[in-house]
mmCIF file of all heavy atoms, coordinates in Angstrom:
data_MODEL
# 
_entry.id   MODEL 
# 
loop_
_atom_site.group_PDB 
_atom_site.id 
_atom_site.type_symbol 
_atom_site.label_atom_id 
_atom_site.label_alt_id 
_atom_site.label_comp_id 
_atom_site.label_asym_id 
_atom_site.label_entity_id 
_atom_site.label_seq_id 
_atom_site.pdbx_PDB_ins_code 
_atom_site.Cartn_x 
_atom_site.Cartn_y 
_atom_site.Cartn_z 
_atom_site.occupancy 
_atom_site.B_iso_or_equiv 
_atom_site.pdbx_formal_charge 
_atom_site.auth_seq_id 
_atom_site.auth_comp_id 
_atom_site.auth_asym_id 
_atom_site.auth_atom_id 
_atom_site.pdbx_PDB_model_num 
ATOM 1   N N   . GLY A 1 1  ? -7.233  -8.878 7.562  1.00 0.00 ? 1  GLY A N   1 
ATOM 2   C CA  . GLY A 1 1  ? -8.651  -9.175 7.115  1.00 0.00 ? 1  GLY A CA  1 
ATOM 3   C C   . GLY A 1 1  ? -9.313  -8.053 6.365  1.00 0.00 ? 1  GLY A C   1 
ATOM 4   O O   . GLY A 1 1  ? -10.601 -8.090 6.427  1.00 0.00 ? 1  GLY A O   1 
ATOM 5   N N   . HIS A 1 2  ? -8.692  -7.096 5.928  1.00 0.00 ? 2  HIS A N   1 
ATOM 6   C CA  . HIS A 1 2  ? -9.390  -6.044 5.216  1.00 0.00 ? 2  HIS A CA  1 
ATOM 7   C C   . HIS A 1 2  ? -8.755  -5.763 3.797  1.00 0.00 ? 2  HIS A C   1 
ATOM 8   O O   . HIS A 1 2  ? -7.557  -5.776 3.716  1.00 0.00 ? 2  HIS A O   1 
ATOM 9   C CB  . HIS A 1 2  ? -9.251  -4.762 6.036  1.00 0.00 ? 2  HIS A CB  1 
ATOM 10  C CG  . HIS A 1 2  ? -10.125 -3.576 5.609  1.00 0.00 ? 2  HIS A CG  1 
ATOM 11  N ND1 . HIS A 1 2  ? -9.926  -2.884 4.539  1.00 0.00 ? 2  HIS A ND1 1 
ATOM 12  C CD2 . HIS A 1 2  ? -11.151 -3.113 6.199  1.00 0.00 ? 2  HIS A CD2 1 
ATOM 13  C CE1 . HIS A 1 2  ? -10.826 -1.901 4.377  1.00 0.00 ? 2  HIS A CE1 1 
ATOM 14  N NE2 . HIS A 1 2  ? -11.670 -2.094 5.421  1.00 0.00 ? 2  HIS A NE2 1 
ATOM 15  N N   . PRO A 1 3  ? -9.623  -5.708 2.856  1.00 0.00 ? 3  PRO A N   1 
ATOM 16  C CA  . PRO A 1 3  ? -9.098  -5.615 1.484  1.00 0.00 ? 3  PRO A CA  1 
ATOM 17  C C   . PRO A 1 3  ? -8.149  -4.389 1.288  1.00 0.00 ? 3  PRO A C   1 
ATOM 18  O O   . PRO A 1 3  ? -7.110  -4.485 0.590  1.00 0.00 ? 3  PRO A O   1 
ATOM 19  C CB  . PRO A 1 3  ? -10.278 -5.478 0.532  1.00 0.00 ? 3  PRO A CB  1 
ATOM 20  C CG  . PRO A 1 3  ? -11.529 -5.602 1.495  1.00 0.00 ? 3  PRO A CG  1 
ATOM 21  C CD  . PRO A 1 3  ? -11.017 -5.660 2.872  1.00 0.00 ? 3  PRO A CD  1 
ATOM 22  N N   . VAL A 1 4  ? -8.392  -3.219 1.905  1.00 0.00 ? 4  VAL A N   1 
ATOM 23  C CA  . VAL A 1 4  ? -7.439  -2.096 1.756  1.00 0.00 ? 4  VAL A CA  1 
ATOM 24  C C   . VAL A 1 4  ? -6.113  -2.377 2.316  1.00 0.00 ? 4  VAL A C   1 
ATOM 25  O O   . VAL A 1 4  ? -5.032  -2.062 1.803  1.00 0.00 ? 4  VAL A O   1 
ATOM 26  C CB  . VAL A 1 4  ? -8.104  -0.823 2.331  1.00 0.00 ? 4  VAL A CB  1 
ATOM 27  C CG1 . VAL A 1 4  ? -7.065  0.345  2.339  1.00 0.00 ? 4  VAL A CG1 1 
ATOM 28  C CG2 . VAL A 1 4  ? -9.311  -0.426 1.505  1.00 0.00 ? 4  VAL A CG2 1 
ATOM 29  N N   . ARG A 1 5  ? -6.056  -3.019 3.534  1.00 0.00 ? 5  ARG A N   1 
ATOM 30  C CA  . ARG A 1 5  ? -4.837  -3.315 4.203  1.00 0.00 ? 5  ARG A CA  1 
ATOM 31  C C   . ARG A 1 5  ? -3.987  -4.330 3.314  1.00 0.00 ? 5  ARG A C   1 
ATOM 32  O O   . ARG A 1 5  ? -2.849  -4.151 3.230  1.00 0.00 ? 5  ARG A O   1 
ATOM 33  C CB  . ARG A 1 5  ? -5.079  -3.815 5.590  1.00 0.00 ? 5  ARG A CB  1 
ATOM 34  C CG  . ARG A 1 5  ? -5.514  -2.702 6.465  1.00 0.00 ? 5  ARG A CG  1 
ATOM 35  C CD  . ARG A 1 5  ? -5.452  -3.081 8.016  1.00 0.00 ? 5  ARG A CD  1 
ATOM 36  N NE  . ARG A 1 5  ? -6.596  -3.893 8.398  1.00 0.00 ? 5  ARG A NE  1 
ATOM 37  C CZ  . ARG A 1 5  ? -7.710  -3.524 8.836  1.00 0.00 ? 5  ARG A CZ  1 
ATOM 38  N NH1 . ARG A 1 5  ? -8.038  -2.185 8.784  1.00 0.00 ? 5  ARG A NH1 1 
ATOM 39  N NH2 . ARG A 1 5  ? -8.669  -4.343 9.179  1.00 0.00 ? 5  ARG A NH2 1 
ATOM 40  N N   . LEU A 1 6  ? -4.666  -5.255 2.761  1.00 0.00 ? 6  LEU A N   1 
ATOM 41  C CA  . LEU A 1 6  ? -4.032  -6.299 1.935  1.00 0.00 ? 6  LEU A CA  1 
ATOM 42  C C   . LEU A 1 6  ? -3.433  -5.508 0.651  1.00 0.00 ? 6  LEU A C   1 
ATOM 43  O O   . LEU A 1 6  ? -2.229  -5.757 0.276  1.00 0.00 ? 6  LEU A O   1 
ATOM 44  C CB  . LEU A 1 6  ? -4.911  -7.466 1.500  1.00 0.00 ? 6  LEU A CB  1 
ATOM 45  C CG  . LEU A 1 6  ? -5.099  -8.366 2.691  1.00 0.00 ? 6  LEU A CG  1 
ATOM 46  C CD1 . LEU A 1 6  ? -6.134  -9.370 2.184  1.00 0.00 ? 6  LEU A CD1 1 
ATOM 47  C CD2 . LEU A 1 6  ? -3.836  -9.120 3.074  1.00 0.00 ? 6  LEU A CD2 1 
ATOM 48  N N   . SER A 1 7  ? -4.184  -4.646 0.094  1.00 0.00 ? 7  SER A N   1 
ATOM 49  C CA  . SER A 1 7  ? -3.723  -3.894 -1.095 1.00 0.00 ? 7  SER A CA  1 
ATOM 50  C C   . SER A 1 7  ? -2.537  -2.954 -0.655 1.00 0.00 ? 7  SER A C   1 
ATOM 51  O O   . SER A 1 7  ? -1.622  -2.811 -1.379 1.00 0.00 ? 7  SER A O   1 
ATOM 52  C CB  . SER A 1 7  ? -4.878  -2.998 -1.644 1.00 0.00 ? 7  SER A CB  1 
ATOM 53  O OG  . SER A 1 7  ? -5.872  -3.960 -2.282 1.00 0.00 ? 7  SER A OG  1 
ATOM 54  N N   . LEU A 1 8  ? -2.614  -2.415 0.542  1.00 0.00 ? 8  LEU A N   1 
ATOM 55  C CA  . LEU A 1 8  ? -1.601  -1.587 0.991  1.00 0.00 ? 8  LEU A CA  1 
ATOM 56  C C   . LEU A 1 8  ? -0.264  -2.345 1.098  1.00 0.00 ? 8  LEU A C   1 
ATOM 57  O O   . LEU A 1 8  ? 0.886   -1.997 0.654  1.00 0.00 ? 8  LEU A O   1 
ATOM 58  C CB  . LEU A 1 8  ? -1.869  -0.867 2.319  1.00 0.00 ? 8  LEU A CB  1 
ATOM 59  C CG  . LEU A 1 8  ? -2.843  0.306  2.321  1.00 0.00 ? 8  LEU A CG  1 
ATOM 60  C CD1 . LEU A 1 8  ? -3.315  0.642  3.768  1.00 0.00 ? 8  LEU A CD1 1 
ATOM 61  C CD2 . LEU A 1 8  ? -2.140  1.439  1.662  1.00 0.00 ? 8  LEU A CD2 1 
ATOM 62  N N   . LEU A 1 9  ? -0.442  -3.495 1.759  1.00 0.00 ? 9  LEU A N   1 
ATOM 63  C CA  . LEU A 1 9  ? 0.808   -4.374 1.857  1.00 0.00 ? 9  LEU A CA  1 
ATOM 64  C C   . LEU A 1 9  ? 1.329   -4.810 0.461  1.00 0.00 ? 9  LEU A C   1 
ATOM 65  O O   . LEU A 1 9  ? 2.566   -4.843 0.253  1.00 0.00 ? 9  LEU A O   1 
ATOM 66  C CB  . LEU A 1 9  ? 0.364   -5.704 2.685  1.00 0.00 ? 9  LEU A CB  1 
ATOM 67  C CG  . LEU A 1 9  ? 0.298   -5.509 4.146  1.00 0.00 ? 9  LEU A CG  1 
ATOM 68  C CD1 . LEU A 1 9  ? -0.343  -6.762 4.729  1.00 0.00 ? 9  LEU A CD1 1 
ATOM 69  C CD2 . LEU A 1 9  ? 1.627   -5.212 4.799  1.00 0.00 ? 9  LEU A CD2 1 
ATOM 70  N N   . GLN A 1 10 ? 0.440   -5.073 -0.480 1.00 0.00 ? 10 GLN A N   1 
ATOM 71  C CA  . GLN A 1 10 ? 0.884   -5.412 -1.743 1.00 0.00 ? 10 GLN A CA  1 
ATOM 72  C C   . GLN A 1 10 ? 1.617   -4.285 -2.536 1.00 0.00 ? 10 GLN A C   1 
ATOM 73  O O   . GLN A 1 10 ? 2.675   -4.460 -3.087 1.00 0.00 ? 10 GLN A O   1 
ATOM 74  C CB  . GLN A 1 10 ? -0.283  -5.904 -2.657 1.00 0.00 ? 10 GLN A CB  1 
ATOM 75  C CG  . GLN A 1 10 ? 0.125   -6.432 -4.029 1.00 0.00 ? 10 GLN A CG  1 
ATOM 76  C CD  . GLN A 1 10 ? -1.035  -7.078 -4.748 1.00 0.00 ? 10 GLN A CD  1 
ATOM 77  O OE1 . GLN A 1 10 ? -2.161  -6.797 -4.456 1.00 0.00 ? 10 GLN A OE1 1 
ATOM 78  N NE2 . GLN A 1 10 ? -0.717  -7.955 -5.658 1.00 0.00 ? 10 GLN A NE2 1 
ATOM 79  N N   . ALA A 1 11 ? 1.163   -2.971 -2.296 1.00 0.00 ? 11 ALA A N   1 
ATOM 80  C CA  . ALA A 1 11 ? 1.764   -1.888 -2.792 1.00 0.00 ? 11 ALA A CA  1 
ATOM 81  C C   . ALA A 1 11 ? 3.068   -1.634 -2.152 1.00 0.00 ? 11 ALA A C   1 
ATOM 82  O O   . ALA A 1 11 ? 4.148   -1.323 -2.869 1.00 0.00 ? 11 ALA A O   1 
ATOM 83  C CB  . ALA A 1 11 ? 0.900   -0.586 -2.636 1.00 0.00 ? 11 ALA A CB  1 
ATOM 84  N N   . VAL A 1 12 ? 3.124   -1.774 -0.887 1.00 0.00 ? 12 VAL A N   1 
ATOM 85  C CA  . VAL A 1 12 ? 4.483   -1.610 -0.139 1.00 0.00 ? 12 VAL A CA  1 
ATOM 86  C C   . VAL A 1 12 ? 5.463   -2.632 -0.618 1.00 0.00 ? 12 VAL A C   1 
ATOM 87  O O   . VAL A 1 12 ? 6.625   -2.298 -0.897 1.00 0.00 ? 12 VAL A O   1 
ATOM 88  C CB  . VAL A 1 12 ? 4.284   -1.699 1.413  1.00 0.00 ? 12 VAL A CB  1 
ATOM 89  C CG1 . VAL A 1 12 ? 5.630   -1.654 2.077  1.00 0.00 ? 12 VAL A CG1 1 
ATOM 90  C CG2 . VAL A 1 12 ? 3.480   -0.419 1.862  1.00 0.00 ? 12 VAL A CG2 1 
ATOM 91  N N   . HIS A 1 13 ? 5.018   -3.923 -0.759 1.00 0.00 ? 13 HIS A N   1 
ATOM 92  C CA  . HIS A 1 13 ? 5.930   -5.033 -1.189 1.00 0.00 ? 13 HIS A CA  1 
ATOM 93  C C   . HIS A 1 13 ? 6.398   -4.631 -2.643 1.00 0.00 ? 13 HIS A C   1 
ATOM 94  O O   . HIS A 1 13 ? 7.543   -4.932 -2.953 1.00 0.00 ? 13 HIS A O   1 
ATOM 95  C CB  . HIS A 1 13 ? 5.209   -6.247 -1.179 1.00 0.00 ? 13 HIS A CB  1 
ATOM 96  C CG  . HIS A 1 13 ? 5.909   -7.506 -1.822 1.00 0.00 ? 13 HIS A CG  1 
ATOM 97  N ND1 . HIS A 1 13 ? 7.135   -7.882 -1.141 1.00 0.00 ? 13 HIS A ND1 1 
ATOM 98  C CD2 . HIS A 1 13 ? 5.796   -8.273 -2.904 1.00 0.00 ? 13 HIS A CD2 1 
ATOM 99  C CE1 . HIS A 1 13 ? 7.680   -8.841 -1.953 1.00 0.00 ? 13 HIS A CE1 1 
ATOM 100 N NE2 . HIS A 1 13 ? 6.793   -9.024 -2.892 1.00 0.00 ? 13 HIS A NE2 1 
ATOM 101 N N   . ALA A 1 14 ? 5.569   -4.079 -3.424 1.00 0.00 ? 14 ALA A N   1 
ATOM 102 C CA  . ALA A 1 14 ? 5.944   -3.620 -4.824 1.00 0.00 ? 14 ALA A CA  1 
ATOM 103 C C   . ALA A 1 14 ? 6.778   -2.469 -4.901 1.00 0.00 ? 14 ALA A C   1 
ATOM 104 O O   . ALA A 1 14 ? 7.269   -2.089 -5.961 1.00 0.00 ? 14 ALA A O   1 
ATOM 105 C CB  . ALA A 1 14 ? 4.738   -3.514 -5.627 1.00 0.00 ? 14 ALA A CB  1 
ATOM 106 N N   . GLY A 1 15 ? 7.077   -1.760 -3.754 1.00 0.00 ? 15 GLY A N   1 
ATOM 107 C CA  . GLY A 1 15 ? 8.024   -0.662 -3.697 1.00 0.00 ? 15 GLY A CA  1 
ATOM 108 C C   . GLY A 1 15 ? 7.387   0.792  -3.419 1.00 0.00 ? 15 GLY A C   1 
ATOM 109 O O   . GLY A 1 15 ? 8.108   1.666  -3.379 1.00 0.00 ? 15 GLY A O   1 
ATOM 110 N N   . THR A 1 16 ? 6.155   0.850  -3.195 1.00 0.00 ? 16 THR A N   1 
ATOM 111 C CA  . THR A 1 16 ? 5.608   2.101  -2.759 1.00 0.00 ? 16 THR A CA  1 
ATOM 112 C C   . THR A 1 16 ? 5.654   2.221  -1.282 1.00 0.00 ? 16 THR A C   1 
ATOM 113 O O   . THR A 1 16 ? 5.216   1.433  -0.572 1.00 0.00 ? 16 THR A O   1 
ATOM 114 C CB  . THR A 1 16 ? 4.025   2.100  -3.180 1.00 0.00 ? 16 THR A CB  1 
ATOM 115 O OG1 . THR A 1 16 ? 3.821   1.854  -4.531 1.00 0.00 ? 16 THR A OG1 1 
ATOM 116 C CG2 . THR A 1 16 ? 3.457   3.433  -2.762 1.00 0.00 ? 16 THR A CG2 1 
ATOM 117 N N   . ALA A 1 17 ? 6.467   3.153  -0.902 1.00 0.00 ? 17 ALA A N   1 
ATOM 118 C CA  . ALA A 1 17 ? 6.965   3.202  0.455  1.00 0.00 ? 17 ALA A CA  1 
ATOM 119 C C   . ALA A 1 17 ? 6.453   4.231  1.373  1.00 0.00 ? 17 ALA A C   1 
ATOM 120 O O   . ALA A 1 17 ? 6.433   4.187  2.587  1.00 0.00 ? 17 ALA A O   1 
ATOM 121 C CB  . ALA A 1 17 ? 8.472   3.334  0.561  1.00 0.00 ? 17 ALA A CB  1 
ATOM 122 N N   . THR A 1 18 ? 5.830   5.317  0.743  1.00 0.00 ? 18 THR A N   1 
ATOM 123 C CA  . THR A 1 18 ? 5.441   6.453  1.605  1.00 0.00 ? 18 THR A CA  1 
ATOM 124 C C   . THR A 1 18 ? 3.872   6.591  1.509  1.00 0.00 ? 18 THR A C   1 
ATOM 125 O O   . THR A 1 18 ? 3.200   6.190  0.563  1.00 0.00 ? 18 THR A O   1 
ATOM 126 C CB  . THR A 1 18 ? 6.071   7.767  1.249  1.00 0.00 ? 18 THR A CB  1 
ATOM 127 O OG1 . THR A 1 18 ? 5.659   8.150  -0.103 1.00 0.00 ? 18 THR A OG1 1 
ATOM 128 C CG2 . THR A 1 18 ? 7.569   7.658  1.261  1.00 0.00 ? 18 THR A CG2 1 
ATOM 129 N N   . VAL A 1 19 ? 3.312   7.311  2.503  1.00 0.00 ? 19 VAL A N   1 
ATOM 130 C CA  . VAL A 1 19 ? 1.955   7.568  2.543  1.00 0.00 ? 19 VAL A CA  1 
ATOM 131 C C   . VAL A 1 19 ? 1.526   8.558  1.333  1.00 0.00 ? 19 VAL A C   1 
ATOM 132 O O   . VAL A 1 19 ? 0.597   8.292  0.757  1.00 0.00 ? 19 VAL A O   1 
ATOM 133 C CB  . VAL A 1 19 ? 1.447   8.196  3.857  1.00 0.00 ? 19 VAL A CB  1 
ATOM 134 C CG1 . VAL A 1 19 ? 0.118   8.710  3.816  1.00 0.00 ? 19 VAL A CG1 1 
ATOM 135 C CG2 . VAL A 1 19 ? 1.700   7.170  5.028  1.00 0.00 ? 19 VAL A CG2 1 
ATOM 136 N N   . ALA A 1 20 ? 2.517   9.400  1.082  1.00 0.00 ? 20 ALA A N   1 
ATOM 137 C CA  . ALA A 1 20 ? 2.245   10.411 -0.041 1.00 0.00 ? 20 ALA A CA  1 
ATOM 138 C C   . ALA A 1 20 ? 2.104   9.525  -1.352 1.00 0.00 ? 20 ALA A C   1 
ATOM 139 O O   . ALA A 1 20 ? 1.190   9.815  -2.227 1.00 0.00 ? 20 ALA A O   1 
ATOM 140 C CB  . ALA A 1 20 ? 3.410   11.307 -0.148 1.00 0.00 ? 20 ALA A CB  1 
ATOM 141 N N   . GLU A 1 21 ? 2.999   8.566  -1.546 1.00 0.00 ? 21 GLU A N   1 
ATOM 142 C CA  . GLU A 1 21 ? 2.844   7.677  -2.751 1.00 0.00 ? 21 GLU A CA  1 
ATOM 143 C C   . GLU A 1 21 ? 1.495   6.871  -2.765 1.00 0.00 ? 21 GLU A C   1 
ATOM 144 O O   . GLU A 1 21 ? 0.897   6.721  -3.790 1.00 0.00 ? 21 GLU A O   1 
ATOM 145 C CB  . GLU A 1 21 ? 4.031   6.742  -2.818 1.00 0.00 ? 21 GLU A CB  1 
ATOM 146 C CG  . GLU A 1 21 ? 5.357   7.432  -3.087 1.00 0.00 ? 21 GLU A CG  1 
ATOM 147 C CD  . GLU A 1 21 ? 6.576   6.531  -3.056 1.00 0.00 ? 21 GLU A CD  1 
ATOM 148 O OE1 . GLU A 1 21 ? 6.524   5.589  -2.217 1.00 0.00 ? 21 GLU A OE1 1 
ATOM 149 O OE2 . GLU A 1 21 ? 7.597   6.862  -3.681 1.00 0.00 ? 21 GLU A OE2 1 
ATOM 150 N N   . LEU A 1 22 ? 1.227   6.440  -1.577 1.00 0.00 ? 22 LEU A N   1 
ATOM 151 C CA  . LEU A 1 22 ? 0.025   5.562  -1.447 1.00 0.00 ? 22 LEU A CA  1 
ATOM 152 C C   . LEU A 1 22 ? -1.236  6.448  -1.704 1.00 0.00 ? 22 LEU A C   1 
ATOM 153 O O   . LEU A 1 22 ? -2.222  5.985  -2.348 1.00 0.00 ? 22 LEU A O   1 
ATOM 154 C CB  . LEU A 1 22 ? -0.002  4.923  -0.086 1.00 0.00 ? 22 LEU A CB  1 
ATOM 155 C CG  . LEU A 1 22 ? 1.016   3.838  0.211  1.00 0.00 ? 22 LEU A CG  1 
ATOM 156 C CD1 . LEU A 1 22 ? 1.020   3.434  1.631  1.00 0.00 ? 22 LEU A CD1 1 
ATOM 157 C CD2 . LEU A 1 22 ? 0.781   2.616  -0.654 1.00 0.00 ? 22 LEU A CD2 1 
ATOM 158 N N   . LYS A 1 23 ? -1.127  7.770  -1.250 1.00 0.00 ? 23 LYS A N   1 
ATOM 159 C CA  . LYS A 1 23 ? -2.339  8.607  -1.472 1.00 0.00 ? 23 LYS A CA  1 
ATOM 160 C C   . LYS A 1 23 ? -2.645  8.898  -2.900 1.00 0.00 ? 23 LYS A C   1 
ATOM 161 O O   . LYS A 1 23 ? -3.735  9.225  -3.270 1.00 0.00 ? 23 LYS A O   1 
ATOM 162 C CB  . LYS A 1 23 ? -2.005  9.908  -0.646 1.00 0.00 ? 23 LYS A CB  1 
ATOM 163 C CG  . LYS A 1 23 ? -3.274  10.816 -0.644 1.00 0.00 ? 23 LYS A CG  1 
ATOM 164 C CD  . LYS A 1 23 ? -3.048  11.999 0.312  1.00 0.00 ? 23 LYS A CD  1 
ATOM 165 C CE  . LYS A 1 23 ? -4.211  12.760 0.354  1.00 0.00 ? 23 LYS A CE  1 
ATOM 166 N NZ  . LYS A 1 23 ? -4.101  14.093 -0.208 1.00 0.00 ? 23 LYS A NZ  1 
ATOM 167 N N   . GLU A 1 24 ? -1.610  8.766  -3.690 1.00 0.00 ? 24 GLU A N   1 
ATOM 168 C CA  . GLU A 1 24 ? -1.810  9.042  -5.212 1.00 0.00 ? 24 GLU A CA  1 
ATOM 169 C C   . GLU A 1 24 ? -2.705  7.949  -5.828 1.00 0.00 ? 24 GLU A C   1 
ATOM 170 O O   . GLU A 1 24 ? -3.354  8.133  -6.872 1.00 0.00 ? 24 GLU A O   1 
ATOM 171 C CB  . GLU A 1 24 ? -0.510  8.928  -5.979 1.00 0.00 ? 24 GLU A CB  1 
ATOM 172 C CG  . GLU A 1 24 ? 0.385   10.170 -5.546 1.00 0.00 ? 24 GLU A CG  1 
ATOM 173 C CD  . GLU A 1 24 ? 1.792   10.025 -6.231 1.00 0.00 ? 24 GLU A CD  1 
ATOM 174 O OE1 . GLU A 1 24 ? 2.044   9.132  -7.099 1.00 0.00 ? 24 GLU A OE1 1 
ATOM 175 O OE2 . GLU A 1 24 ? 2.690   10.865 -5.822 1.00 0.00 ? 24 GLU A OE2 1 
# 
């Protein structure tokens, strides 16, 4: 129920796997 968490899930689903990549 949080937009950032949904965006994180979408990024992980698209192949972004690490916190370092997400932090970019």
